[in-house]
């Protein structure tokens, strides 16, 4: 998995289900949730979803940044 200081995943347990979140560091003090999915039966399912979505999310962001850079030229 691609490591990023800006984007990460977070897994938490809420009652009997698990929640996975894709987070973005907006600043040193502030973290923003970019994407979330709830109601996983196990922590492993939540972690699997988070890793897959984080890769997809980073790929989409990279493509978007490249397109915007081309427009600026």
N, C-alpha and C. Protein backbone atom coordinates (compact mmCIF):
# COMPACT_ATOMS: atom_id res chain seq x y z
N UNK A 1 0.84 -1.18 0.00
CA UNK A 1 0.00 0.00 0.00
C UNK A 1 0.88 1.24 0.00
N UNK A 2 0.46 2.24 -0.72
CA UNK A 2 1.18 3.50 -0.81
C UNK A 2 1.03 4.28 0.49
N UNK A 3 2.14 4.68 1.08
CA UNK A 3 2.10 5.45 2.32
C UNK A 3 2.02 6.94 2.00
N UNK A 4 1.20 7.62 2.72
CA UNK A 4 1.00 9.04 2.51
C UNK A 4 0.87 9.73 3.85
N UNK A 5 1.52 10.86 4.00
CA UNK A 5 1.38 11.61 5.24
C UNK A 5 0.04 12.35 5.29
N UNK A 6 -0.48 12.66 4.12
CA UNK A 6 -1.69 13.45 4.06
C UNK A 6 -2.96 12.60 4.19
N UNK A 7 -2.97 11.41 3.61
CA UNK A 7 -4.16 10.56 3.62
C UNK A 7 -3.87 9.28 4.41
N UNK A 8 -4.88 8.81 5.14
CA UNK A 8 -4.74 7.60 5.94
C UNK A 8 -6.12 7.00 6.16
N UNK A 9 -6.15 5.81 6.74
CA UNK A 9 -7.42 5.19 7.06
C UNK A 9 -7.52 5.02 8.57
N UNK A 10 -8.75 5.00 9.06
CA UNK A 10 -9.00 4.87 10.50
C UNK A 10 -10.17 3.90 10.68
N UNK A 11 -9.99 2.94 11.59
CA UNK A 11 -11.00 1.93 11.88
C UNK A 11 -11.47 2.13 13.32
N UNK A 12 -12.79 2.11 13.53
CA UNK A 12 -13.31 2.25 14.89
C UNK A 12 -14.52 1.33 15.08
N UNK A 13 -14.75 0.96 16.33
CA UNK A 13 -15.87 0.09 16.66
C UNK A 13 -16.99 0.93 17.27
N UNK A 14 -18.18 0.77 16.72
CA UNK A 14 -19.36 1.47 17.22
C UNK A 14 -20.40 0.41 17.56
N UNK A 15 -20.67 0.26 18.85
CA UNK A 15 -21.56 -0.79 19.35
C UNK A 15 -21.09 -2.17 18.86
N UNK A 16 -21.85 -2.84 18.02
CA UNK A 16 -21.48 -4.17 17.55
C UNK A 16 -20.94 -4.18 16.12
N UNK A 17 -20.77 -3.03 15.52
CA UNK A 17 -20.29 -2.98 14.14
C UNK A 17 -19.03 -2.11 14.05
N UNK A 18 -18.35 -2.24 12.93
CA UNK A 18 -17.11 -1.51 12.69
C UNK A 18 -17.34 -0.44 11.63
N UNK A 19 -16.59 0.66 11.75
CA UNK A 19 -16.66 1.76 10.80
C UNK A 19 -15.26 2.04 10.27
N UNK A 20 -15.14 2.24 8.96
CA UNK A 20 -13.87 2.57 8.32
C UNK A 20 -13.97 3.97 7.73
N UNK A 21 -12.91 4.75 7.88
CA UNK A 21 -12.88 6.12 7.37
C UNK A 21 -11.58 6.38 6.63
N UNK A 22 -11.66 7.15 5.56
CA UNK A 22 -10.49 7.66 4.86
C UNK A 22 -10.33 9.09 5.34
N UNK A 23 -9.18 9.41 5.94
CA UNK A 23 -8.98 10.73 6.53
C UNK A 23 -7.91 11.51 5.76
N UNK A 24 -8.01 12.83 5.86
CA UNK A 24 -7.05 13.74 5.23
C UNK A 24 -6.57 14.73 6.26
N UNK A 25 -5.28 14.94 6.34
CA UNK A 25 -4.72 15.92 7.27
C UNK A 25 -4.84 17.30 6.63
N UNK A 26 -5.72 18.14 7.16
CA UNK A 26 -5.88 19.49 6.65
C UNK A 26 -4.81 20.40 7.22
N UNK A 27 -4.43 20.16 8.46
CA UNK A 27 -3.36 20.90 9.12
C UNK A 27 -2.80 20.02 10.23
N UNK A 28 -1.89 20.54 10.99
CA UNK A 28 -1.31 19.76 12.08
C UNK A 28 -2.39 19.40 13.11
N UNK A 29 -3.33 20.28 13.32
CA UNK A 29 -4.33 20.09 14.35
C UNK A 29 -5.66 19.52 13.84
N UNK A 30 -5.90 19.62 12.54
CA UNK A 30 -7.22 19.27 12.01
C UNK A 30 -7.14 18.09 11.04
N UNK A 31 -7.99 17.09 11.26
CA UNK A 31 -8.13 15.94 10.37
C UNK A 31 -9.56 15.91 9.85
N UNK A 32 -9.70 15.75 8.54
CA UNK A 32 -11.00 15.76 7.88
C UNK A 32 -11.30 14.36 7.34
N UNK A 33 -12.52 13.89 7.55
CA UNK A 33 -12.93 12.60 7.00
C UNK A 33 -13.38 12.82 5.55
N UNK A 34 -12.69 12.16 4.62
CA UNK A 34 -13.01 12.31 3.20
C UNK A 34 -14.04 11.29 2.74
N UNK A 35 -14.02 10.09 3.32
CA UNK A 35 -14.94 9.04 2.92
C UNK A 35 -15.14 8.10 4.10
N UNK A 36 -16.38 7.59 4.25
CA UNK A 36 -16.66 6.69 5.37
C UNK A 36 -17.61 5.58 4.94
N UNK A 37 -17.49 4.45 5.60
CA UNK A 37 -18.38 3.31 5.38
C UNK A 37 -18.59 2.65 6.74
N UNK A 38 -19.84 2.33 7.06
CA UNK A 38 -20.17 1.77 8.37
C UNK A 38 -20.78 0.38 8.24
N UNK A 39 -21.08 -0.22 9.38
CA UNK A 39 -21.78 -1.50 9.50
C UNK A 39 -21.01 -2.69 8.95
N UNK A 40 -19.72 -2.75 9.23
CA UNK A 40 -18.94 -3.95 8.90
C UNK A 40 -19.09 -4.94 10.04
N UNK A 41 -19.12 -6.22 9.72
CA UNK A 41 -19.29 -7.27 10.73
C UNK A 41 -18.02 -7.51 11.52
N UNK A 42 -16.85 -7.31 10.88
CA UNK A 42 -15.58 -7.56 11.56
C UNK A 42 -14.58 -6.46 11.25
N UNK A 43 -13.56 -6.40 12.08
CA UNK A 43 -12.50 -5.41 11.88
C UNK A 43 -11.74 -5.71 10.59
N UNK A 44 -11.56 -6.97 10.28
CA UNK A 44 -10.84 -7.36 9.06
C UNK A 44 -11.57 -6.87 7.80
N UNK A 45 -12.89 -6.98 7.79
CA UNK A 45 -13.67 -6.49 6.65
C UNK A 45 -13.51 -4.97 6.50
N UNK A 46 -13.56 -4.27 7.61
CA UNK A 46 -13.42 -2.81 7.58
C UNK A 46 -12.03 -2.42 7.10
N UNK A 47 -11.02 -3.10 7.58
CA UNK A 47 -9.64 -2.79 7.19
C UNK A 47 -9.42 -3.07 5.70
N UNK A 48 -9.98 -4.17 5.22
CA UNK A 48 -9.87 -4.53 3.80
C UNK A 48 -10.51 -3.47 2.93
N UNK A 49 -11.71 -3.00 3.31
CA UNK A 49 -12.40 -1.96 2.55
C UNK A 49 -11.57 -0.67 2.56
N UNK A 50 -11.06 -0.31 3.74
CA UNK A 50 -10.31 0.95 3.89
C UNK A 50 -9.05 0.94 3.03
N UNK A 51 -8.32 -0.16 3.01
CA UNK A 51 -7.10 -0.24 2.21
C UNK A 51 -7.42 -0.13 0.72
N UNK A 52 -8.47 -0.83 0.30
CA UNK A 52 -8.86 -0.80 -1.12
C UNK A 52 -9.31 0.61 -1.52
N UNK A 53 -10.15 1.23 -0.71
CA UNK A 53 -10.66 2.56 -1.03
C UNK A 53 -9.57 3.63 -0.96
N UNK A 54 -8.61 3.46 -0.05
CA UNK A 54 -7.52 4.43 0.05
C UNK A 54 -6.69 4.42 -1.22
N UNK A 55 -6.39 3.23 -1.75
CA UNK A 55 -5.66 3.15 -3.01
C UNK A 55 -6.44 3.78 -4.15
N UNK A 56 -7.72 3.50 -4.22
CA UNK A 56 -8.58 4.08 -5.25
C UNK A 56 -8.65 5.60 -5.11
N UNK A 57 -8.81 6.05 -3.88
CA UNK A 57 -8.91 7.48 -3.59
C UNK A 57 -7.62 8.21 -4.00
N UNK A 58 -6.46 7.64 -3.65
CA UNK A 58 -5.19 8.27 -4.00
C UNK A 58 -4.96 8.29 -5.50
N UNK A 59 -5.38 7.24 -6.19
CA UNK A 59 -5.25 7.19 -7.64
C UNK A 59 -6.10 8.27 -8.30
N UNK A 60 -7.34 8.39 -7.84
CA UNK A 60 -8.23 9.42 -8.38
C UNK A 60 -7.69 10.82 -8.13
N UNK A 61 -7.16 11.05 -6.93
CA UNK A 61 -6.60 12.37 -6.59
C UNK A 61 -5.40 12.68 -7.48
N UNK A 62 -4.55 11.69 -7.69
CA UNK A 62 -3.37 11.88 -8.53
C UNK A 62 -3.77 12.22 -9.96
N UNK A 63 -4.72 11.49 -10.50
CA UNK A 63 -5.21 11.76 -11.85
C UNK A 63 -5.81 13.15 -11.94
N UNK A 64 -6.59 13.51 -10.95
CA UNK A 64 -7.22 14.84 -10.93
C UNK A 64 -6.16 15.94 -10.89
N UNK A 65 -5.14 15.75 -10.07
CA UNK A 65 -4.07 16.74 -9.97
C UNK A 65 -3.33 16.89 -11.29
N UNK A 66 -3.10 15.78 -11.99
CA UNK A 66 -2.42 15.82 -13.29
C UNK A 66 -3.26 16.58 -14.31
N UNK A 67 -4.57 16.31 -14.34
CA UNK A 67 -5.45 17.02 -15.28
C UNK A 67 -5.45 18.52 -15.00
N UNK A 68 -5.50 18.90 -13.74
CA UNK A 68 -5.51 20.32 -13.39
C UNK A 68 -4.17 20.98 -13.72
N UNK A 69 -3.08 20.24 -13.56
CA UNK A 69 -1.76 20.79 -13.90
C UNK A 69 -1.66 21.03 -15.39
N UNK A 70 -2.24 20.14 -16.19
CA UNK A 70 -2.24 20.32 -17.64
C UNK A 70 -3.01 21.56 -18.04
N UNK A 71 -4.12 21.83 -17.36
CA UNK A 71 -4.93 23.01 -17.69
C UNK A 71 -4.17 24.30 -17.37
N UNK A 72 -3.30 24.27 -16.37
CA UNK A 72 -2.55 25.47 -15.97
C UNK A 72 -1.44 25.81 -16.96
N UNK A 73 -1.01 24.84 -17.78
CA UNK A 73 0.11 25.08 -18.71
C UNK A 73 -0.29 25.92 -19.88
